[in-house]
């Protein structure tokens, strides 16, 4: 059987890719809890990237990566600046939700923050 080919950048491609990325059996996504204003906390799946600093062996390249989470639009459509995402017991404040393709949203995060 030949796998279907989807043109990149199309809604169908992003939808298929998003579904594959968020599949908990593939090891990319983790459980998270999203707290949005006026709504009860809800459990979602995200691909989380923790902050890190990478310095090359030669000492010339420095990369400082901001924490971020990638999730399905359907899970993150009401997310706003100031909302809180809890991943692996650490709470992160949403700085900016932004589109990441037709079916995905990227959350730029700040933290970790305290319990209140």
PDB file of N, CA and C in Angstrom:
ATOM      1  N   UNK A   1       0.838  -1.181   0.000  1.00  0.00           N
ATOM      2  CA  UNK A   1       0.000   0.000   0.000  1.00  0.00           C
ATOM      3  C   UNK A   1       0.885   1.246   0.000  1.00  0.00           C
ATOM      4  N   UNK A   2       0.563   2.179  -0.837  1.00  0.00           N
ATOM      5  CA  UNK A   2       1.317   3.424  -0.938  1.00  0.00           C
ATOM      6  C   UNK A   2       0.678   4.469  -0.032  1.00  0.00           C
ATOM      7  N   UNK A   3       1.511   5.149   0.757  1.00  0.00           N
ATOM      8  CA  UNK A   3       1.002   6.208   1.636  1.00  0.00           C
ATOM      9  C   UNK A   3       0.542   7.386   0.790  1.00  0.00           C
ATOM     10  N   UNK A   4      -0.540   8.050   1.198  1.00  0.00           N
ATOM     11  CA  UNK A   4      -0.997   9.214   0.437  1.00  0.00           C
ATOM     12  C   UNK A   4       0.012  10.351   0.534  1.00  0.00           C
ATOM     13  N   UNK A   5       0.050  11.153  -0.505  1.00  0.00           N
ATOM     14  CA  UNK A   5       0.944  12.306  -0.539  1.00  0.00           C
ATOM     15  C   UNK A   5       0.086  13.561  -0.450  1.00  0.00           C
ATOM     16  N   UNK A   6       0.412  14.419   0.513  1.00  0.00           N
ATOM     17  CA  UNK A   6      -0.329  15.665   0.704  1.00  0.00           C
ATOM     18  C   UNK A   6       0.593  16.833   0.403  1.00  0.00           C
ATOM     19  N   UNK A   7       0.107  17.781  -0.348  1.00  0.00           N
ATOM     20  CA  UNK A   7       0.902  18.959  -0.673  1.00  0.00           C
ATOM     21  C   UNK A   7       1.141  19.789   0.584  1.00  0.00           C
ATOM     22  N   UNK A   8       2.410  20.140   0.832  1.00  0.00           N
ATOM     23  CA  UNK A   8       2.729  20.917   2.031  1.00  0.00           C
ATOM     24  C   UNK A   8       2.071  22.286   1.966  1.00  0.00           C
ATOM     25  N   UNK A   9       1.717  22.790   3.139  1.00  0.00           N
ATOM     26  CA  UNK A   9       1.112  24.114   3.219  1.00  0.00           C
ATOM     27  C   UNK A   9      -0.381  24.127   3.015  1.00  0.00           C
ATOM     28  N   UNK A  10      -0.971  22.978   2.710  1.00  0.00           N
ATOM     29  CA  UNK A  10      -2.419  22.930   2.531  1.00  0.00           C
ATOM     30  C   UNK A  10      -3.075  22.582   3.859  1.00  0.00           C
ATOM     31  N   UNK A  11      -4.350  22.879   3.977  1.00  0.00           N
ATOM     32  CA  UNK A  11      -5.070  22.581   5.209  1.00  0.00           C
ATOM     33  C   UNK A  11      -5.080  21.073   5.471  1.00  0.00           C
ATOM     34  N   UNK A  12      -5.236  20.265   4.422  1.00  0.00           N
ATOM     35  CA  UNK A  12      -5.247  18.813   4.587  1.00  0.00           C
ATOM     36  C   UNK A  12      -3.903  18.318   5.106  1.00  0.00           C
ATOM     37  N   UNK A  13      -2.797  18.834   4.559  1.00  0.00           N
ATOM     38  CA  UNK A  13      -1.459  18.455   5.021  1.00  0.00           C
ATOM     39  C   UNK A  13      -1.297  18.813   6.494  1.00  0.00           C
ATOM     40  N   UNK A  14      -1.648  20.038   6.863  1.00  0.00           N
ATOM     41  CA  UNK A  14      -1.503  20.477   8.252  1.00  0.00           C
ATOM     42  C   UNK A  14      -2.382  19.659   9.191  1.00  0.00           C
ATOM     43  N   UNK A  15      -3.577  19.298   8.735  1.00  0.00           N
ATOM     44  CA  UNK A  15      -4.479  18.511   9.559  1.00  0.00           C
ATOM     45  C   UNK A  15      -3.911  17.106   9.794  1.00  0.00           C
ATOM     46  N   UNK A  16      -3.409  16.468   8.736  1.00  0.00           N
ATOM     47  CA  UNK A  16      -2.812  15.138   8.858  1.00  0.00           C
ATOM     48  C   UNK A  16      -1.562  15.209   9.725  1.00  0.00           C
ATOM     49  N   UNK A  17      -0.712  16.204   9.492  1.00  0.00           N
ATOM     50  CA  UNK A  17       0.504  16.375  10.277  1.00  0.00           C
ATOM     51  C   UNK A  17       0.171  16.638  11.741  1.00  0.00           C
ATOM     52  N   UNK A  18      -0.785  17.518  11.990  1.00  0.00           N
ATOM     53  CA  UNK A  18      -1.172  17.823  13.358  1.00  0.00           C
ATOM     54  C   UNK A  18      -1.687  16.606  14.091  1.00  0.00           C
ATOM     55  N   UNK A  19      -2.486  15.800  13.416  1.00  0.00           N
ATOM     56  CA  UNK A  19      -3.011  14.580  14.032  1.00  0.00           C
ATOM     57  C   UNK A  19      -1.879  13.620  14.369  1.00  0.00           C
ATOM     58  N   UNK A  20      -0.912  13.480  13.469  1.00  0.00           N
ATOM     59  CA  UNK A  20       0.221  12.585  13.717  1.00  0.00           C
ATOM     60  C   UNK A  20       1.091  13.089  14.868  1.00  0.00           C
ATOM     61  N   UNK A  21       1.354  14.376  14.898  1.00  0.00           N
ATOM     62  CA  UNK A  21       2.194  14.949  15.954  1.00  0.00           C
ATOM     63  C   UNK A  21       1.528  14.797  17.314  1.00  0.00           C
ATOM     64  N   UNK A  22       0.229  14.984  17.395  1.00  0.00           N
ATOM     65  CA  UNK A  22      -0.463  14.945  18.676  1.00  0.00           C
ATOM     66  C   UNK A  22      -0.830  13.528  19.121  1.00  0.00           C
ATOM     67  N   UNK A  23      -0.558  12.522  18.311  1.00  0.00           N
ATOM     68  CA  UNK A  23      -0.840  11.139  18.684  1.00  0.00           C
ATOM     69  C   UNK A  23       0.017  10.768  19.893  1.00  0.00           C
ATOM     70  N   UNK A  24      -0.599  10.465  21.047  1.00  0.00           N
ATOM     71  CA  UNK A  24       0.195  10.184  22.249  1.00  0.00           C
ATOM     72  C   UNK A  24       1.073   8.946  22.118  1.00  0.00           C
ATOM     73  N   UNK A  25       0.795   8.084  21.150  1.00  0.00           N
ATOM     74  CA  UNK A  25       1.598   6.872  20.971  1.00  0.00           C
ATOM     75  C   UNK A  25       2.920   7.131  20.262  1.00  0.00           C
ATOM     76  N   UNK A  26       3.105   8.306  19.664  1.00  0.00           N
ATOM     77  CA  UNK A  26       4.342   8.556  18.926  1.00  0.00           C
ATOM     78  C   UNK A  26       5.453   9.147  19.789  1.00  0.00           C
ATOM     79  N   UNK A  27       5.133   9.509  21.018  1.00  0.00           N
ATOM     80  CA  UNK A  27       6.151   9.996  21.944  1.00  0.00           C
ATOM     81  C   UNK A  27       6.515  11.460  21.811  1.00  0.00           C
ATOM     82  N   UNK A  28       5.867  12.199  20.925  1.00  0.00           N
ATOM     83  CA  UNK A  28       6.190  13.618  20.762  1.00  0.00           C
ATOM     84  C   UNK A  28       5.370  14.501  21.690  1.00  0.00           C
ATOM     85  N   UNK A  29       4.124  14.140  21.916  1.00  0.00           N
ATOM     86  CA  UNK A  29       3.250  14.999  22.705  1.00  0.00           C
ATOM     87  C   UNK A  29       3.229  14.564  24.172  1.00  0.00           C
ATOM     88  N   UNK A  30       2.897  15.537  25.031  1.00  0.00           N
ATOM     89  CA  UNK A  30       2.771  15.282  26.465  1.00  0.00           C
ATOM     90  C   UNK A  30       1.443  15.863  26.943  1.00  0.00           C
ATOM     91  N   UNK A  31       0.964  15.342  28.044  1.00  0.00           N
ATOM     92  CA  UNK A  31      -0.258  15.876  28.643  1.00  0.00           C
ATOM     93  C   UNK A  31       0.041  17.215  29.302  1.00  0.00           C
ATOM     94  N   UNK A  32      -0.901  18.133  29.188  1.00  0.00           N
ATOM     95  CA  UNK A  32      -0.765  19.456  29.799  1.00  0.00           C
ATOM     96  C   UNK A  32      -2.135  19.904  30.275  1.00  0.00           C
ATOM     97  N   UNK A  33      -2.147  20.875  31.173  1.00  0.00           N
ATOM     98  CA  UNK A  33      -3.399  21.459  31.639  1.00  0.00           C
ATOM     99  C   UNK A  33      -3.393  22.937  31.276  1.00  0.00           C
ATOM    100  N   UNK A  34      -4.444  23.369  30.591  1.00  0.00           N
ATOM    101  CA  UNK A  34      -4.559  24.758  30.163  1.00  0.00           C
ATOM    102  C   UNK A  34      -5.591  25.467  31.024  1.00  0.00           C
ATOM    103  N   UNK A  35      -5.182  26.602  31.602  1.00  0.00           N
ATOM    104  CA  UNK A  35      -6.078  27.446  32.404  1.00  0.00           C
ATOM    105  C   UNK A  35      -6.312  28.739  31.628  1.00  0.00           C
ATOM    106  N   UNK A  36      -7.536  28.910  31.139  1.00  0.00           N
ATOM    107  CA  UNK A  36      -7.889  30.136  30.424  1.00  0.00           C
ATOM    108  C   UNK A  36      -8.890  30.921  31.258  1.00  0.00           C
ATOM    109  N   UNK A  37      -8.875  32.228  31.099  1.00  0.00           N
ATOM    110  CA  UNK A  37      -9.747  33.111  31.894  1.00  0.00           C
ATOM    111  C   UNK A  37     -11.213  32.734  31.717  1.00  0.00           C
ATOM    112  N   UNK A  38     -11.913  32.585  32.833  1.00  0.00           N
ATOM    113  CA  UNK A  38     -13.342  32.333  32.794  1.00  0.00           C
ATOM    114  C   UNK A  38     -13.742  30.910  32.469  1.00  0.00           C
ATOM    115  N   UNK A  39     -12.780  30.000  32.308  1.00  0.00           N
ATOM    116  CA  UNK A  39     -13.074  28.613  31.961  1.00  0.00           C
ATOM    117  C   UNK A  39     -12.417  27.681  32.980  1.00  0.00           C
ATOM    118  N   UNK A  40     -13.007  26.505  33.214  1.00  0.00           N
ATOM    119  CA  UNK A  40     -12.337  25.550  34.094  1.00  0.00           C
ATOM    120  C   UNK A  40     -11.078  24.999  33.408  1.00  0.00           C
ATOM    121  N   UNK A  41     -10.064  24.619  34.166  1.00  0.00           N
ATOM    122  CA  UNK A  41      -8.861  24.036  33.567  1.00  0.00           C
ATOM    123  C   UNK A  41      -9.232  22.805  32.736  1.00  0.00           C
ATOM    124  N   UNK A  42      -8.516  22.602  31.629  1.00  0.00           N
ATOM    125  CA  UNK A  42      -8.796  21.432  30.790  1.00  0.00           C
ATOM    126  C   UNK A  42      -7.490  20.760  30.376  1.00  0.00           C
ATOM    127  N   UNK A  43      -7.546  19.446  30.246  1.00  0.00           N
ATOM    128  CA  UNK A  43      -6.383  18.664  29.838  1.00  0.00           C
ATOM    129  C   UNK A  43      -6.308  18.614  28.323  1.00  0.00           C
ATOM    130  N   UNK A  44      -5.099  18.842  27.802  1.00  0.00           N
ATOM    131  CA  UNK A  44      -4.849  18.818  26.365  1.00  0.00           C
ATOM    132  C   UNK A  44      -3.518  18.114  26.116  1.00  0.00           C
ATOM    133  N   UNK A  45      -3.198  17.887  24.857  1.00  0.00           N
ATOM    134  CA  UNK A  45      -1.895  17.371  24.460  1.00  0.00           C
ATOM    135  C   UNK A  45      -1.127  18.473  23.748  1.00  0.00           C
ATOM    136  N   UNK A  46       0.160  18.599  24.058  1.00  0.00           N
ATOM    137  CA  UNK A  46       1.026  19.573  23.392  1.00  0.00           C
ATOM    138  C   UNK A  46       2.387  18.937  23.133  1.00  0.00           C
ATOM    139  N   UNK A  47       3.108  19.514  22.194  1.00  0.00           N
ATOM    140  CA  UNK A  47       4.530  19.219  22.036  1.00  0.00           C
ATOM    141  C   UNK A  47       5.235  20.371  22.731  1.00  0.00           C
ATOM    142  N   UNK A  48       5.961  20.062  23.798  1.00  0.00           N
ATOM    143  CA  UNK A  48       6.570  21.090  24.630  1.00  0.00           C
ATOM    144  C   UNK A  48       8.069  21.155  24.377  1.00  0.00           C
ATOM    145  N   UNK A  49       8.572  22.373  24.253  1.00  0.00           N
ATOM    146  CA  UNK A  49      10.018  22.585  24.128  1.00  0.00           C
ATOM    147  C   UNK A  49      10.447  23.497  25.265  1.00  0.00           C
ATOM    148  N   UNK A  50      11.242  22.930  26.163  1.00  0.00           N
ATOM    149  CA  UNK A  50      11.735  23.681  27.324  1.00  0.00           C
ATOM    150  C   UNK A  50      12.793  24.682  26.877  1.00  0.00           C
ATOM    151  N   UNK A  51      13.010  25.723  27.660  1.00  0.00           N
ATOM    152  CA  UNK A  51      14.050  26.703  27.312  1.00  0.00           C
ATOM    153  C   UNK A  51      15.438  26.066  27.443  1.00  0.00           C
ATOM    154  N   UNK A  52      16.337  26.504  26.579  1.00  0.00           N
ATOM    155  CA  UNK A  52      17.713  26.032  26.689  1.00  0.00           C
ATOM    156  C   UNK A  52      18.655  27.035  26.050  1.00  0.00           C
ATOM    157  N   UNK A  53      19.908  26.920  26.408  1.00  0.00           N
ATOM    158  CA  UNK A  53      20.957  27.725  25.790  1.00  0.00           C
ATOM    159  C   UNK A  53      21.977  26.758  25.219  1.00  0.00           C
ATOM    160  N   UNK A  54      22.334  26.925  23.961  1.00  0.00           N
ATOM    161  CA  UNK A  54      23.332  26.073  23.317  1.00  0.00           C
ATOM    162  C   UNK A  54      24.501  26.941  22.884  1.00  0.00           C
ATOM    163  N   UNK A  55      25.691  26.512  23.232  1.00  0.00           N
ATOM    164  CA  UNK A  55      26.906  27.237  22.849  1.00  0.00           C
ATOM    165  C   UNK A  55      27.769  26.284  22.034  1.00  0.00           C
ATOM    166  N   UNK A  56      28.247  26.733  20.886  1.00  0.00           N
ATOM    167  CA  UNK A  56      29.049  25.857  20.035  1.00  0.00           C
ATOM    168  C   UNK A  56      30.411  25.579  20.657  1.00  0.00           C
ATOM    169  N   UNK A  57      31.079  24.571  20.124  1.00  0.00           N
ATOM    170  CA  UNK A  57      32.416  24.214  20.613  1.00  0.00           C
ATOM    171  C   UNK A  57      33.412  25.350  20.424  1.00  0.00           C
ATOM    172  N   UNK A  58      33.205  26.153  19.416  1.00  0.00           N
ATOM    173  CA  UNK A  58      34.128  27.242  19.129  1.00  0.00           C
ATOM    174  C   UNK A  58      33.764  28.508  19.902  1.00  0.00           C
ATOM    175  N   UNK A  59      32.628  28.495  20.582  1.00  0.00           N
ATOM    176  CA  UNK A  59      32.215  29.634  21.379  1.00  0.00           C
ATOM    177  C   UNK A  59      31.672  30.805  20.587  1.00  0.00           C
ATOM    178  N   UNK A  60      31.352  30.580  19.315  1.00  0.00           N
ATOM    179  CA  UNK A  60      30.874  31.692  18.488  1.00  0.00           C
ATOM    180  C   UNK A  60      29.359  31.710  18.323  1.00  0.00           C
ATOM    181  N   UNK A  61      28.697  30.584  18.453  1.00  0.00           N
ATOM    182  CA  UNK A  61      27.254  30.522  18.274  1.00  0.00           C
ATOM    183  C   UNK A  61      26.577  30.334  19.618  1.00  0.00           C
ATOM    184  N   UNK A  62      25.625  31.184  19.923  1.00  0.00           N
ATOM    185  CA  UNK A  62      24.841  31.052  21.147  1.00  0.00           C
ATOM    186  C   UNK A  62      23.371  31.081  20.755  1.00  0.00           C
ATOM    187  N   UNK A  63      22.637  30.053  21.153  1.00  0.00           N
ATOM    188  CA  UNK A  63      21.208  29.988  20.884  1.00  0.00           C
ATOM    189  C   UNK A  63      20.455  29.985  22.199  1.00  0.00           C
ATOM    190  N   UNK A  64      19.556  30.908  22.366  1.00  0.00           N
ATOM    191  CA  UNK A  64      18.713  30.987  23.549  1.00  0.00           C
ATOM    192  C   UNK A  64      17.287  30.757  23.082  1.00  0.00           C
ATOM    193  N   UNK A  65      16.707  29.637  23.463  1.00  0.00           N
ATOM    194  CA  UNK A  65      15.384  29.289  22.970  1.00  0.00           C
ATOM    195  C   UNK A  65      14.345  29.488  24.065  1.00  0.00           C
ATOM    196  N   UNK A  66      13.331  30.243  23.724  1.00  0.00           N
ATOM    197  CA  UNK A  66      12.219  30.520  24.626  1.00  0.00           C
ATOM    198  C   UNK A  66      11.349  29.263  24.744  1.00  0.00           C
ATOM    199  N   UNK A  67      10.795  28.993  25.928  1.00  0.00           N
ATOM    200  CA  UNK A  67       9.904  27.840  26.053  1.00  0.00           C
ATOM    201  C   UNK A  67       8.669  28.035  25.174  1.00  0.00           C
ATOM    202  N   UNK A  68       8.209  26.943  24.592  1.00  0.00           N
ATOM    203  CA  UNK A  68       7.024  27.017  23.757  1.00  0.00           C
ATOM    204  C   UNK A  68       6.313  25.678  23.712  1.00  0.00           C
ATOM    205  N   UNK A  69       5.053  25.739  23.352  1.00  0.00           N
ATOM    206  CA  UNK A  69       4.235  24.538  23.211  1.00  0.00           C
ATOM    207  C   UNK A  69       3.483  24.632  21.892  1.00  0.00           C
ATOM    208  N   UNK A  70       3.333  23.497  21.239  1.00  0.00           N
ATOM    209  CA  UNK A  70       2.618  23.403  19.973  1.00  0.00           C
ATOM    210  C   UNK A  70       1.412  22.512  20.195  1.00  0.00           C
ATOM    211  N   UNK A  71       0.244  22.974  19.763  1.00  0.00           N
ATOM    212  CA  UNK A  71      -0.968  22.181  19.950  1.00  0.00           C
ATOM    213  C   UNK A  71      -1.957  22.397  18.826  1.00  0.00           C
ATOM    214  N   UNK A  72      -3.015  21.616  18.849  1.00  0.00           N
ATOM    215  CA  UNK A  72      -4.062  21.736  17.834  1.00  0.00           C
ATOM    216  C   UNK A  72      -4.883  23.000  18.064  1.00  0.00           C
ATOM    217  N   UNK A  73      -5.265  23.642  16.969  1.00  0.00           N
ATOM    218  CA  UNK A  73      -6.118  24.836  17.063  1.00  0.00           C
ATOM    219  C   UNK A  73      -7.366  24.556  17.888  1.00  0.00           C
ATOM    220  N   UNK A  74      -7.945  23.380  17.719  1.00  0.00           N
ATOM    221  CA  UNK A  74      -9.180  23.060  18.430  1.00  0.00           C
ATOM    222  C   UNK A  74      -8.983  23.065  19.943  1.00  0.00           C
ATOM    223  N   UNK A  75      -7.772  22.780  20.421  1.00  0.00           N
ATOM    224  CA  UNK A  75      -7.473  22.803  21.851  1.00  0.00           C
ATOM    225  C   UNK A  75      -7.062  24.181  22.347  1.00  0.00           C
ATOM    226  N   UNK A  76      -6.511  25.006  21.452  1.00  0.00           N
ATOM    227  CA  UNK A  76      -5.904  26.270  21.870  1.00  0.00           C
ATOM    228  C   UNK A  76      -6.604  27.507  21.327  1.00  0.00           C
ATOM    229  N   UNK A  77      -7.763  27.362  20.708  1.00  0.00           N
ATOM    230  CA  UNK A  77      -8.413  28.484  20.026  1.00  0.00           C
ATOM    231  C   UNK A  77      -8.789  29.638  20.950  1.00  0.00           C
ATOM    232  N   UNK A  78      -9.045  29.376  22.227  1.00  0.00           N
ATOM    233  CA  UNK A  78      -9.428  30.441  23.156  1.00  0.00           C
ATOM    234  C   UNK A  78      -8.260  30.940  23.998  1.00  0.00           C
ATOM    235  N   UNK A  79      -7.044  30.508  23.695  1.00  0.00           N
ATOM    236  CA  UNK A  79      -5.883  30.870  24.509  1.00  0.00           C
ATOM    237  C   UNK A  79      -5.487  32.316  24.260  1.00  0.00           C
ATOM    238  N   UNK A  80      -5.219  33.031  25.358  1.00  0.00           N
ATOM    239  CA  UNK A  80      -4.846  34.445  25.289  1.00  0.00           C
ATOM    240  C   UNK A  80      -3.603  34.688  26.128  1.00  0.00           C
ATOM    241  N   UNK A  81      -3.001  35.834  25.911  1.00  0.00           N
ATOM    242  CA  UNK A  81      -1.865  36.266  26.728  1.00  0.00           C
ATOM    243  C   UNK A  81      -2.267  36.238  28.207  1.00  0.00           C
ATOM    244  N   UNK A  82      -1.404  35.688  29.044  1.00  0.00           N
ATOM    245  CA  UNK A  82      -1.678  35.621  30.471  1.00  0.00           C
ATOM    246  C   UNK A  82      -2.275  34.301  30.926  1.00  0.00           C
ATOM    247  N   UNK A  83      -2.796  33.482  30.005  1.00  0.00           N
ATOM    248  CA  UNK A  83      -3.297  32.164  30.381  1.00  0.00           C
ATOM    249  C   UNK A  83      -2.127  31.311  30.876  1.00  0.00           C
ATOM    250  N   UNK A  84      -2.424  30.197  31.531  1.00  0.00           N
ATOM    251  CA  UNK A  84      -1.378  29.372  32.137  1.00  0.00           C
ATOM    252  C   UNK A  84      -1.457  27.949  31.595  1.00  0.00           C
ATOM    253  N   UNK A  85      -0.298  27.412  31.231  1.00  0.00           N
ATOM    254  CA  UNK A  85      -0.165  26.037  30.758  1.00  0.00           C
ATOM    255  C   UNK A  85       0.730  25.292  31.740  1.00  0.00           C
ATOM    256  N   UNK A  86       0.246  24.172  32.269  1.00  0.00           N
ATOM    257  CA  UNK A  86       1.044  23.355  33.176  1.00  0.00           C
ATOM    258  C   UNK A  86       1.516  22.108  32.434  1.00  0.00           C
ATOM    259  N   UNK A  87       2.846  21.920  32.413  1.00  0.00           N
ATOM    260  CA  UNK A  87       3.465  20.772  31.749  1.00  0.00           C
ATOM    261  C   UNK A  87       4.466  20.157  32.713  1.00  0.00           C
ATOM    262  N   UNK A  88       4.338  18.861  32.937  1.00  0.00           N
ATOM    263  CA  UNK A  88       5.266  18.135  33.818  1.00  0.00           C
ATOM    264  C   UNK A  88       5.401  18.798  35.184  1.00  0.00           C
ATOM    265  N   UNK A  89       4.292  19.317  35.715  1.00  0.00           N
ATOM    266  CA  UNK A  89       4.295  19.912  37.040  1.00  0.00           C
ATOM    267  C   UNK A  89       4.792  21.346  37.115  1.00  0.00           C
ATOM    268  N   UNK A  90       5.181  21.928  35.993  1.00  0.00           N
ATOM    269  CA  UNK A  90       5.655  23.316  35.957  1.00  0.00           C
ATOM    270  C   UNK A  90       4.627  24.173  35.230  1.00  0.00           C
ATOM    271  N   UNK A  91       4.358  25.361  35.812  1.00  0.00           N
ATOM    272  CA  UNK A  91       3.380  26.289  35.238  1.00  0.00           C
ATOM    273  C   UNK A  91       4.098  27.344  34.401  1.00  0.00           C
ATOM    274  N   UNK A  92       3.565  27.613  33.201  1.00  0.00           N
ATOM    275  CA  UNK A  92       4.136  28.575  32.259  1.00  0.00           C
ATOM    276  C   UNK A  92       3.062  29.561  31.866  1.00  0.00           C
ATOM    277  N   UNK A  93       3.404  30.841  31.823  1.00  0.00           N
ATOM    278  CA  UNK A  93       2.454  31.878  31.399  1.00  0.00           C
ATOM    279  C   UNK A  93       2.560  32.060  29.886  1.00  0.00           C
ATOM    280  N   UNK A  94       1.395  32.131  29.225  1.00  0.00           N
ATOM    281  CA  UNK A  94       1.353  32.348  27.778  1.00  0.00           C
ATOM    282  C   UNK A  94       1.688  33.806  27.495  1.00  0.00           C
ATOM    283  N   UNK A  95       2.710  34.024  26.675  1.00  0.00           N
ATOM    284  CA  UNK A  95       3.060  35.371  26.229  1.00  0.00           C
ATOM    285  C   UNK A  95       2.302  35.683  24.944  1.00  0.00           C
ATOM    286  N   UNK A  96       2.370  34.745  23.989  1.00  0.00           N
ATOM    287  CA  UNK A  96       1.749  34.958  22.691  1.00  0.00           C
ATOM    288  C   UNK A  96       1.296  33.633  22.092  1.00  0.00           C
ATOM    289  N   UNK A  97       0.016  33.514  21.746  1.00  0.00           N
ATOM    290  CA  UNK A  97      -0.396  32.404  20.889  1.00  0.00           C
ATOM    291  C   UNK A  97      -0.267  32.865  19.436  1.00  0.00           C
ATOM    292  N   UNK A  98       0.257  31.991  18.574  1.00  0.00           N
ATOM    293  CA  UNK A  98       0.422  32.377  17.174  1.00  0.00           C
ATOM    294  C   UNK A  98       0.168  31.186  16.263  1.00  0.00           C
ATOM    295  N   UNK A  99      -0.297  31.435  15.048  1.00  0.00           N
ATOM    296  CA  UNK A  99      -0.552  30.345  14.107  1.00  0.00           C
ATOM    297  C   UNK A  99       0.733  29.588  13.784  1.00  0.00           C
ATOM    298  N   UNK A 100       0.580  28.276  13.614  1.00  0.00           N
ATOM    299  CA  UNK A 100       1.708  27.433  13.217  1.00  0.00           C
ATOM    300  C   UNK A 100       1.207  26.456  12.165  1.00  0.00           C
ATOM    301  N   UNK A 101       0.638  26.988  11.097  1.00  0.00           N
ATOM    302  CA  UNK A 101       0.013  26.159  10.068  1.00  0.00           C
ATOM    303  C   UNK A 101      -1.497  26.212  10.227  1.00  0.00           C
ATOM    304  N   UNK A 102      -2.203  25.549   9.337  1.00  0.00           N
ATOM    305  CA  UNK A 102      -3.667  25.629   9.325  1.00  0.00           C
ATOM    306  C   UNK A 102      -4.318  24.952  10.519  1.00  0.00           C
ATOM    307  N   UNK A 103      -3.704  23.916  11.076  1.00  0.00           N
ATOM    308  CA  UNK A 103      -4.341  23.149  12.147  1.00  0.00           C
ATOM    309  C   UNK A 103      -3.654  23.302  13.500  1.00  0.00           C
ATOM    310  N   UNK A 104      -2.559  24.059  13.555  1.00  0.00           N
ATOM    311  CA  UNK A 104      -1.752  24.108  14.771  1.00  0.00           C
ATOM    312  C   UNK A 104      -1.601  25.544  15.286  1.00  0.00           C
ATOM    313  N   UNK A 105      -1.369  25.653  16.605  1.00  0.00           N
ATOM    314  CA  UNK A 105      -1.079  26.928  17.260  1.00  0.00           C
ATOM    315  C   UNK A 105       0.172  26.753  18.100  1.00  0.00           C
ATOM    316  N   UNK A 106       1.046  27.745  18.066  1.00  0.00           N
ATOM    317  CA  UNK A 106       2.249  27.756  18.906  1.00  0.00           C
ATOM    318  C   UNK A 106       2.028  28.748  20.031  1.00  0.00           C
ATOM    319  N   UNK A 107       2.337  28.322  21.255  1.00  0.00           N
ATOM    320  CA  UNK A 107       2.271  29.208  22.412  1.00  0.00           C
ATOM    321  C   UNK A 107       3.691  29.570  22.818  1.00  0.00           C
ATOM    322  N   UNK A 108       4.007  30.854  22.782  1.00  0.00           N
ATOM    323  CA  UNK A 108       5.277  31.338  23.342  1.00  0.00           C
ATOM    324  C   UNK A 108       5.030  31.497  24.829  1.00  0.00           C
ATOM    325  N   UNK A 109       5.928  30.947  25.644  1.00  0.00           N
ATOM    326  CA  UNK A 109       5.709  30.867  27.086  1.00  0.00           C
ATOM    327  C   UNK A 109       6.769  31.605  27.873  1.00  0.00           C
ATOM    328  N   UNK A 110       6.436  31.902  29.128  1.00  0.00           N
ATOM    329  CA  UNK A 110       7.354  32.548  30.059  1.00  0.00           C
ATOM    330  C   UNK A 110       7.295  31.773  31.376  1.00  0.00           C
ATOM    331  N   UNK A 111       8.438  31.590  32.003  1.00  0.00           N
ATOM    332  CA  UNK A 111       8.424  30.918  33.287  1.00  0.00           C
ATOM    333  C   UNK A 111       9.548  29.915  33.403  1.00  0.00           C
ATOM    334  N   UNK A 112       9.393  28.978  34.301  1.00  0.00           N
ATOM    335  CA  UNK A 112       8.165  28.648  35.015  1.00  0.00           C
ATOM    336  C   UNK A 112       7.799  29.699  36.049  1.00  0.00           C
ATOM    337  N   UNK A 113       6.496  29.712  36.361  1.00  0.00           N
ATOM    338  CA  UNK A 113       5.974  30.691  37.316  1.00  0.00           C
ATOM    339  C   UNK A 113       5.550  29.972  38.588  1.00  0.00           C
ATOM    340  N   UNK A 114       5.262  30.732  39.635  1.00  0.00           N
ATOM    341  CA  UNK A 114       4.826  30.158  40.915  1.00  0.00           C
ATOM    342  C   UNK A 114       3.398  29.678  40.852  1.00  0.00           C
ATOM    343  N   UNK A 115       2.903  29.258  41.996  1.00  0.00           N
ATOM    344  CA  UNK A 115       1.543  28.700  42.074  1.00  0.00           C
ATOM    345  C   UNK A 115       0.447  29.740  42.100  1.00  0.00           C
ATOM    346  N   UNK A 116       0.744  30.977  42.142  1.00  0.00           N
ATOM    347  CA  UNK A 116      -0.348  31.936  42.228  1.00  0.00           C
ATOM    348  C   UNK A 116       0.056  33.230  41.734  1.00  0.00           C
TER     349      UNK A 116
END
